[in-house]
Amino acid sequence: MFMAKTHKWYLERIVWLVAGCVVLTGTLLGFFVHKYWLFLPMLAGCNMIIFATTGFCPLAIILDKAGVRSITEQCDVKRSQ
């Protein structure tokens, strides 16, 4: 059984958190407010597919520039010490 590390907020974990919030918010707004809000989770899903196939994620670029480190970068720092 695979369990992701949850002891720190690394870049990938924040990306999944934001994606989940966008999907949930868009779905709830689409259900309770107006059906056009359902485009929000659709766009989030398209972005997840683009990230999985190309590795491009606008949020990851923003987080990287803000100084949030990836889980692989954190592991590399531990190995070099």
PDB file of N, CA and C in Angstrom:
ATOM      1  N   MET A   1       0.838  -1.166   0.000  1.00  0.00           N
ATOM      2  CA  MET A   1       0.000   0.000   0.000  1.00  0.00           C
ATOM      3  C   MET A   1       0.892   1.243   0.000  1.00  0.00           C
ATOM      4  N   PHE A   2       0.560   2.184  -0.869  1.00  0.00           N
ATOM      5  CA  PHE A   2       1.330   3.427  -0.964  1.00  0.00           C
ATOM      6  C   PHE A   2       0.669   4.525  -0.140  1.00  0.00           C
ATOM      7  N   MET A   3       1.466   5.207   0.649  1.00  0.00           N
ATOM      8  CA  MET A   3       0.995   6.360   1.415  1.00  0.00           C
ATOM      9  C   MET A   3       1.953   7.520   1.148  1.00  0.00           C
ATOM     10  N   ALA A   4       1.414   8.656   0.726  1.00  0.00           N
ATOM     11  CA  ALA A   4       2.243   9.829   0.491  1.00  0.00           C
ATOM     12  C   ALA A   4       2.730  10.390   1.821  1.00  0.00           C
ATOM     13  N   LYS A   5       3.872  11.017   1.783  1.00  0.00           N
ATOM     14  CA  LYS A   5       4.422  11.630   2.988  1.00  0.00           C
ATOM     15  C   LYS A   5       3.594  12.865   3.331  1.00  0.00           C
ATOM     16  N   THR A   6       3.212  12.983   4.596  1.00  0.00           N
ATOM     17  CA  THR A   6       2.367  14.098   5.019  1.00  0.00           C
ATOM     18  C   THR A   6       2.988  14.921   6.143  1.00  0.00           C
ATOM     19  N   HIS A   7       4.264  14.744   6.377  1.00  0.00           N
ATOM     20  CA  HIS A   7       4.895  15.481   7.466  1.00  0.00           C
ATOM     21  C   HIS A   7       5.265  16.910   7.079  1.00  0.00           C
ATOM     22  N   LYS A   8       5.306  17.221   5.778  1.00  0.00           N
ATOM     23  CA  LYS A   8       5.630  18.567   5.307  1.00  0.00           C
ATOM     24  C   LYS A   8       4.724  18.923   4.133  1.00  0.00           C
ATOM     25  N   TRP A   9       4.584  20.231   3.899  1.00  0.00           N
ATOM     26  CA  TRP A   9       3.811  20.721   2.750  1.00  0.00           C
ATOM     27  C   TRP A   9       4.765  20.982   1.603  1.00  0.00           C
ATOM     28  N   TYR A  10       4.993  19.983   0.771  1.00  0.00           N
ATOM     29  CA  TYR A  10       5.859  20.115  -0.383  1.00  0.00           C
ATOM     30  C   TYR A  10       5.025  20.508  -1.602  1.00  0.00           C
ATOM     31  N   LEU A  11       5.697  20.907  -2.674  1.00  0.00           N
ATOM     32  CA  LEU A  11       5.057  21.471  -3.854  1.00  0.00           C
ATOM     33  C   LEU A  11       3.945  20.589  -4.412  1.00  0.00           C
ATOM     34  N   GLU A  12       4.216  19.326  -4.612  1.00  0.00           N
ATOM     35  CA  GLU A  12       3.222  18.433  -5.214  1.00  0.00           C
ATOM     36  C   GLU A  12       1.967  18.311  -4.350  1.00  0.00           C
ATOM     37  N   ARG A  13       2.163  18.291  -3.065  1.00  0.00           N
ATOM     38  CA  ARG A  13       1.025  18.169  -2.151  1.00  0.00           C
ATOM     39  C   ARG A  13       0.152  19.433  -2.196  1.00  0.00           C
ATOM     40  N   ILE A  14       0.765  20.587  -2.299  1.00  0.00           N
ATOM     41  CA  ILE A  14       0.011  21.833  -2.398  1.00  0.00           C
ATOM     42  C   ILE A  14      -0.749  21.893  -3.710  1.00  0.00           C
ATOM     43  N   VAL A  15      -0.133  21.434  -4.793  1.00  0.00           N
ATOM     44  CA  VAL A  15      -0.818  21.414  -6.096  1.00  0.00           C
ATOM     45  C   VAL A  15      -2.067  20.545  -6.024  1.00  0.00           C
ATOM     46  N   TRP A  16      -1.968  19.363  -5.414  1.00  0.00           N
ATOM     47  CA  TRP A  16      -3.136  18.487  -5.286  1.00  0.00           C
ATOM     48  C   TRP A  16      -4.203  19.110  -4.396  1.00  0.00           C
ATOM     49  N   LEU A  17      -3.784  19.805  -3.335  1.00  0.00           N
ATOM     50  CA  LEU A  17      -4.742  20.479  -2.457  1.00  0.00           C
ATOM     51  C   LEU A  17      -5.520  21.551  -3.214  1.00  0.00           C
ATOM     52  N   VAL A  18      -4.820  22.383  -3.963  1.00  0.00           N
ATOM     53  CA  VAL A  18      -5.478  23.448  -4.716  1.00  0.00           C
ATOM     54  C   VAL A  18      -6.386  22.858  -5.792  1.00  0.00           C
ATOM     55  N   ALA A  19      -5.917  21.823  -6.489  1.00  0.00           N
ATOM     56  CA  ALA A  19      -6.743  21.195  -7.523  1.00  0.00           C
ATOM     57  C   ALA A  19      -8.019  20.616  -6.915  1.00  0.00           C
ATOM     58  N   GLY A  20      -7.903  19.972  -5.779  1.00  0.00           N
ATOM     59  CA  GLY A  20      -9.092  19.426  -5.117  1.00  0.00           C
ATOM     60  C   GLY A  20     -10.068  20.504  -4.695  1.00  0.00           C
ATOM     61  N   CYS A  21      -9.536  21.612  -4.188  1.00  0.00           N
ATOM     62  CA  CYS A  21     -10.408  22.731  -3.783  1.00  0.00           C
ATOM     63  C   CYS A  21     -11.109  23.341  -4.981  1.00  0.00           C
ATOM     64  N   VAL A  22     -10.400  23.482  -6.097  1.00  0.00           N
ATOM     65  CA  VAL A  22     -11.007  24.039  -7.313  1.00  0.00           C
ATOM     66  C   VAL A  22     -12.116  23.126  -7.821  1.00  0.00           C
ATOM     67  N   VAL A  23     -11.861  21.833  -7.861  1.00  0.00           N
ATOM     68  CA  VAL A  23     -12.870  20.884  -8.341  1.00  0.00           C
ATOM     69  C   VAL A  23     -14.090  20.872  -7.421  1.00  0.00           C
ATOM     70  N   LEU A  24     -13.856  20.809  -6.129  1.00  0.00           N
ATOM     71  CA  LEU A  24     -14.970  20.782  -5.180  1.00  0.00           C
ATOM     72  C   LEU A  24     -15.769  22.084  -5.215  1.00  0.00           C
ATOM     73  N   THR A  25     -15.084  23.217  -5.222  1.00  0.00           N
ATOM     74  CA  THR A  25     -15.772  24.511  -5.263  1.00  0.00           C
ATOM     75  C   THR A  25     -16.580  24.672  -6.542  1.00  0.00           C
ATOM     76  N   GLY A  26     -15.982  24.344  -7.687  1.00  0.00           N
ATOM     77  CA  GLY A  26     -16.686  24.458  -8.955  1.00  0.00           C
ATOM     78  C   GLY A  26     -17.901  23.557  -9.030  1.00  0.00           C
ATOM     79  N   THR A  27     -17.777  22.354  -8.492  1.00  0.00           N
ATOM     80  CA  THR A  27     -18.895  21.420  -8.500  1.00  0.00           C
ATOM     81  C   THR A  27     -20.031  21.920  -7.615  1.00  0.00           C
ATOM     82  N   LEU A  28     -19.709  22.380  -6.420  1.00  0.00           N
ATOM     83  CA  LEU A  28     -20.745  22.895  -5.515  1.00  0.00           C
ATOM     84  C   LEU A  28     -21.414  24.142  -6.083  1.00  0.00           C
ATOM     85  N   LEU A  29     -20.611  25.052  -6.648  1.00  0.00           N
ATOM     86  CA  LEU A  29     -21.196  26.246  -7.254  1.00  0.00           C
ATOM     87  C   LEU A  29     -22.064  25.878  -8.459  1.00  0.00           C
ATOM     88  N   GLY A  30     -21.640  24.899  -9.223  1.00  0.00           N
ATOM     89  CA  GLY A  30     -22.429  24.451 -10.368  1.00  0.00           C
ATOM     90  C   GLY A  30     -23.744  23.824  -9.940  1.00  0.00           C
ATOM     91  N   PHE A  31     -23.745  23.165  -8.817  1.00  0.00           N
ATOM     92  CA  PHE A  31     -24.959  22.517  -8.316  1.00  0.00           C
ATOM     93  C   PHE A  31     -25.911  23.517  -7.670  1.00  0.00           C
ATOM     94  N   PHE A  32     -25.366  24.444  -6.876  1.00  0.00           N
ATOM     95  CA  PHE A  32     -26.208  25.344  -6.100  1.00  0.00           C
ATOM     96  C   PHE A  32     -26.421  26.722  -6.727  1.00  0.00           C
ATOM     97  N   VAL A  33     -25.515  27.197  -7.570  1.00  0.00           N
ATOM     98  CA  VAL A  33     -25.610  28.563  -8.081  1.00  0.00           C
ATOM     99  C   VAL A  33     -26.023  28.583  -9.551  1.00  0.00           C
ATOM    100  N   HIS A  34     -25.138  28.098 -10.419  1.00  0.00           N
ATOM    101  CA  HIS A  34     -25.442  28.105 -11.854  1.00  0.00           C
ATOM    102  C   HIS A  34     -24.612  27.023 -12.527  1.00  0.00           C
ATOM    103  N   LYS A  35     -25.195  26.395 -13.525  1.00  0.00           N
ATOM    104  CA  LYS A  35     -24.528  25.262 -14.181  1.00  0.00           C
ATOM    105  C   LYS A  35     -23.241  25.658 -14.892  1.00  0.00           C
ATOM    106  N   TYR A  36     -23.060  26.935 -15.239  1.00  0.00           N
ATOM    107  CA  TYR A  36     -21.826  27.359 -15.898  1.00  0.00           C
ATOM    108  C   TYR A  36     -20.595  27.236 -15.008  1.00  0.00           C
ATOM    109  N   TRP A  37     -20.799  27.179 -13.692  1.00  0.00           N
ATOM    110  CA  TRP A  37     -19.668  26.979 -12.784  1.00  0.00           C
ATOM    111  C   TRP A  37     -19.026  25.610 -12.983  1.00  0.00           C
ATOM    112  N   LEU A  38     -19.728  24.695 -13.644  1.00  0.00           N
ATOM    113  CA  LEU A  38     -19.162  23.362 -13.883  1.00  0.00           C
ATOM    114  C   LEU A  38     -17.983  23.405 -14.863  1.00  0.00           C
ATOM    115  N   PHE A  39     -17.807  24.539 -15.541  1.00  0.00           N
ATOM    116  CA  PHE A  39     -16.627  24.675 -16.395  1.00  0.00           C
ATOM    117  C   PHE A  39     -15.350  24.750 -15.571  1.00  0.00           C
ATOM    118  N   LEU A  40     -15.440  25.219 -14.332  1.00  0.00           N
ATOM    119  CA  LEU A  40     -14.263  25.315 -13.472  1.00  0.00           C
ATOM    120  C   LEU A  40     -13.635  23.949 -13.185  1.00  0.00           C
ATOM    121  N   PRO A  41     -14.403  22.949 -12.721  1.00  0.00           N
ATOM    122  CA  PRO A  41     -13.768  21.635 -12.539  1.00  0.00           C
ATOM    123  C   PRO A  41     -13.353  20.992 -13.860  1.00  0.00           C
ATOM    124  N   MET A  42     -14.044  21.319 -14.941  1.00  0.00           N
ATOM    125  CA  MET A  42     -13.631  20.795 -16.244  1.00  0.00           C
ATOM    126  C   MET A  42     -12.258  21.344 -16.636  1.00  0.00           C
ATOM    127  N   LEU A  43     -12.051  22.637 -16.409  1.00  0.00           N
ATOM    128  CA  LEU A  43     -10.750  23.234 -16.702  1.00  0.00           C
ATOM    129  C   LEU A  43      -9.664  22.665 -15.795  1.00  0.00           C
ATOM    130  N   ALA A  44      -9.995  22.447 -14.534  1.00  0.00           N
ATOM    131  CA  ALA A  44      -9.025  21.849 -13.610  1.00  0.00           C
ATOM    132  C   ALA A  44      -8.652  20.445 -14.070  1.00  0.00           C
ATOM    133  N   GLY A  45      -9.648  19.676 -14.508  1.00  0.00           N
ATOM    134  CA  GLY A  45      -9.372  18.329 -15.020  1.00  0.00           C
ATOM    135  C   GLY A  45      -8.494  18.361 -16.263  1.00  0.00           C
ATOM    136  N   CYS A  46      -8.754  19.298 -17.164  1.00  0.00           N
ATOM    137  CA  CYS A  46      -7.911  19.444 -18.359  1.00  0.00           C
ATOM    138  C   CYS A  46      -6.482  19.793 -17.970  1.00  0.00           C
ATOM    139  N   ASN A  47      -6.344  20.683 -16.973  1.00  0.00           N
ATOM    140  CA  ASN A  47      -5.003  21.050 -16.522  1.00  0.00           C
ATOM    141  C   ASN A  47      -4.277  19.851 -15.916  1.00  0.00           C
ATOM    142  N   MET A  48      -5.001  18.989 -15.193  1.00  0.00           N
ATOM    143  CA  MET A  48      -4.373  17.799 -14.611  1.00  0.00           C
ATOM    144  C   MET A  48      -3.906  16.841 -15.702  1.00  0.00           C
ATOM    145  N   ILE A  49      -4.694  16.716 -16.763  1.00  0.00           N
ATOM    146  CA  ILE A  49      -4.295  15.852 -17.885  1.00  0.00           C
ATOM    147  C   ILE A  49      -3.074  16.432 -18.584  1.00  0.00           C
ATOM    148  N   ILE A  50      -3.069  17.745 -18.801  1.00  0.00           N
ATOM    149  CA  ILE A  50      -1.914  18.396 -19.426  1.00  0.00           C
ATOM    150  C   ILE A  50      -0.669  18.197 -18.573  1.00  0.00           C
ATOM    151  N   PHE A  51      -0.806  18.352 -17.250  1.00  0.00           N
ATOM    152  CA  PHE A  51       0.340  18.153 -16.371  1.00  0.00           C
ATOM    153  C   PHE A  51       0.853  16.712 -16.432  1.00  0.00           C
ATOM    154  N   ALA A  52      -0.074  15.755 -16.438  1.00  0.00           N
ATOM    155  CA  ALA A  52       0.335  14.348 -16.462  1.00  0.00           C
ATOM    156  C   ALA A  52       1.054  13.982 -17.759  1.00  0.00           C
ATOM    157  N   THR A  53       0.667  14.601 -18.862  1.00  0.00           N
ATOM    158  CA  THR A  53       1.258  14.232 -20.151  1.00  0.00           C
ATOM    159  C   THR A  53       2.474  15.074 -20.519  1.00  0.00           C
ATOM    160  N   THR A  54       2.523  16.345 -20.076  1.00  0.00           N
ATOM    161  CA  THR A  54       3.625  17.217 -20.494  1.00  0.00           C
ATOM    162  C   THR A  54       4.527  17.649 -19.347  1.00  0.00           C
ATOM    163  N   GLY A  55       4.016  17.628 -18.114  1.00  0.00           N
ATOM    164  CA  GLY A  55       4.789  18.101 -16.975  1.00  0.00           C
ATOM    165  C   GLY A  55       4.637  19.590 -16.724  1.00  0.00           C
ATOM    166  N   PHE A  56       3.810  20.272 -17.513  1.00  0.00           N
ATOM    167  CA  PHE A  56       3.606  21.718 -17.367  1.00  0.00           C
ATOM    168  C   PHE A  56       2.453  21.996 -16.423  1.00  0.00           C
ATOM    169  N   CYS A  57       2.719  22.794 -15.375  1.00  0.00           N
ATOM    170  CA  CYS A  57       1.683  23.167 -14.417  1.00  0.00           C
ATOM    171  C   CYS A  57       1.914  24.615 -13.993  1.00  0.00           C
ATOM    172  N   PRO A  58       1.006  25.524 -14.364  1.00  0.00           N
ATOM    173  CA  PRO A  58       1.197  26.934 -13.998  1.00  0.00           C
ATOM    174  C   PRO A  58       1.309  27.153 -12.490  1.00  0.00           C
ATOM    175  N   LEU A  59       0.515  26.450 -11.694  1.00  0.00           N
ATOM    176  CA  LEU A  59       0.581  26.610 -10.244  1.00  0.00           C
ATOM    177  C   LEU A  59       1.933  26.162  -9.705  1.00  0.00           C
ATOM    178  N   ALA A  60       2.479  25.086 -10.243  1.00  0.00           N
ATOM    179  CA  ALA A  60       3.789  24.610  -9.788  1.00  0.00           C
ATOM    180  C   ALA A  60       4.876  25.636 -10.092  1.00  0.00           C
ATOM    181  N   ILE A  61       4.762  26.327 -11.214  1.00  0.00           N
ATOM    182  CA  ILE A  61       5.729  27.370 -11.555  1.00  0.00           C
ATOM    183  C   ILE A  61       5.646  28.504 -10.537  1.00  0.00           C
ATOM    184  N   ILE A  62       4.424  28.911 -10.205  1.00  0.00           N
ATOM    185  CA  ILE A  62       4.225  29.987  -9.228  1.00  0.00           C
ATOM    186  C   ILE A  62       4.761  29.581  -7.856  1.00  0.00           C
ATOM    187  N   LEU A  63       4.442  28.364  -7.431  1.00  0.00           N
ATOM    188  CA  LEU A  63       4.916  27.891  -6.123  1.00  0.00           C
ATOM    189  C   LEU A  63       6.434  27.772  -6.091  1.00  0.00           C
ATOM    190  N   ASP A  64       7.031  27.322  -7.196  1.00  0.00           N
ATOM    191  CA  ASP A  64       8.480  27.205  -7.270  1.00  0.00           C
ATOM    192  C   ASP A  64       9.134  28.577  -7.133  1.00  0.00           C
ATOM    193  N   LYS A  65       8.577  29.575  -7.807  1.00  0.00           N
ATOM    194  CA  LYS A  65       9.119  30.938  -7.708  1.00  0.00           C
ATOM    195  C   LYS A  65       8.918  31.515  -6.310  1.00  0.00           C
ATOM    196  N   ALA A  66       7.892  31.030  -5.599  1.00  0.00           N
ATOM    197  CA  ALA A  66       7.641  31.485  -4.226  1.00  0.00           C
ATOM    198  C   ALA A  66       8.545  30.778  -3.220  1.00  0.00           C
ATOM    199  N   GLY A  67       9.318  29.802  -3.684  1.00  0.00           N
ATOM    200  CA  GLY A  67      10.280  29.141  -2.810  1.00  0.00           C
ATOM    201  C   GLY A  67       9.833  27.814  -2.236  1.00  0.00           C
ATOM    202  N   VAL A  68       8.681  27.305  -2.661  1.00  0.00           N
ATOM    203  CA  VAL A  68       8.211  26.002  -2.172  1.00  0.00           C
ATOM    204  C   VAL A  68       9.014  24.920  -2.875  1.00  0.00           C
ATOM    205  N   ARG A  69       9.560  24.006  -2.105  1.00  0.00           N
ATOM    206  CA  ARG A  69      10.400  22.958  -2.691  1.00  0.00           C
ATOM    207  C   ARG A  69       9.604  21.695  -2.993  1.00  0.00           C
ATOM    208  N   SER A  70      10.044  21.002  -4.018  1.00  0.00           N
ATOM    209  CA  SER A  70       9.448  19.733  -4.416  1.00  0.00           C
ATOM    210  C   SER A  70       9.902  18.635  -3.448  1.00  0.00           C
ATOM    211  N   ILE A  71       9.148  17.558  -3.389  1.00  0.00           N
ATOM    212  CA  ILE A  71       9.515  16.437  -2.528  1.00  0.00           C
ATOM    213  C   ILE A  71      10.854  15.834  -2.970  1.00  0.00           C
ATOM    214  N   THR A  72      11.111  15.815  -4.268  1.00  0.00           N
ATOM    215  CA  THR A  72      12.377  15.270  -4.753  1.00  0.00           C
ATOM    216  C   THR A  72      13.544  16.168  -4.368  1.00  0.00           C
ATOM    217  N   GLU A  73      13.338  17.488  -4.369  1.00  0.00           N
ATOM    218  CA  GLU A  73      14.392  18.394  -3.930  1.00  0.00           C
ATOM    219  C   GLU A  73      14.668  18.219  -2.446  1.00  0.00           C
ATOM    220  N   GLN A  74      13.644  17.997  -1.652  1.00  0.00           N
ATOM    221  CA  GLN A  74      13.827  17.793  -0.227  1.00  0.00           C
ATOM    222  C   GLN A  74      14.584  16.507   0.039  1.00  0.00           C
ATOM    223  N   CYS A  75      14.307  15.464  -0.740  1.00  0.00           N
ATOM    224  CA  CYS A  75      14.999  14.186  -0.574  1.00  0.00           C
ATOM    225  C   CYS A  75      16.461  14.321  -0.992  1.00  0.00           C
ATOM    226  N   ASP A  76      16.726  15.068  -2.084  1.00  0.00           N
ATOM    227  CA  ASP A  76      18.100  15.265  -2.546  1.00  0.00           C
ATOM    228  C   ASP A  76      18.932  16.004  -1.517  1.00  0.00           C
ATOM    229  N   VAL A  77      18.337  16.991  -0.829  1.00  0.00           N
ATOM    230  CA  VAL A  77      19.058  17.740   0.199  1.00  0.00           C
ATOM    231  C   VAL A  77      19.413  16.822   1.357  1.00  0.00           C
ATOM    232  N   LYS A  78      18.507  15.932   1.752  1.00  0.00           N
ATOM    233  CA  LYS A  78      18.783  15.009   2.849  1.00  0.00           C
ATOM    234  C   LYS A  78      19.906  14.036   2.481  1.00  0.00           C
ATOM    235  N   ARG A  79      19.928  13.572   1.226  1.00  0.00           N
ATOM    236  CA  ARG A  79      20.956  12.613   0.805  1.00  0.00           C
ATOM    237  C   ARG A  79      22.330  13.246   0.751  1.00  0.00           C
ATOM    238  N   SER A  80      22.398  14.530   0.385  1.00  0.00           N
ATOM    239  CA  SER A  80      23.701  15.175   0.245  1.00  0.00           C
ATOM    240  C   SER A  80      24.303  15.547   1.606  1.00  0.00           C
ATOM    241  N   GLN A  81      23.511  15.533   2.663  1.00  0.00           N
ATOM    242  CA  GLN A  81      24.022  15.918   3.990  1.00  0.00           C
ATOM    243  C   GLN A  81      24.735  14.780   4.663  1.00  0.00           C
TER     244      GLN A  81
END
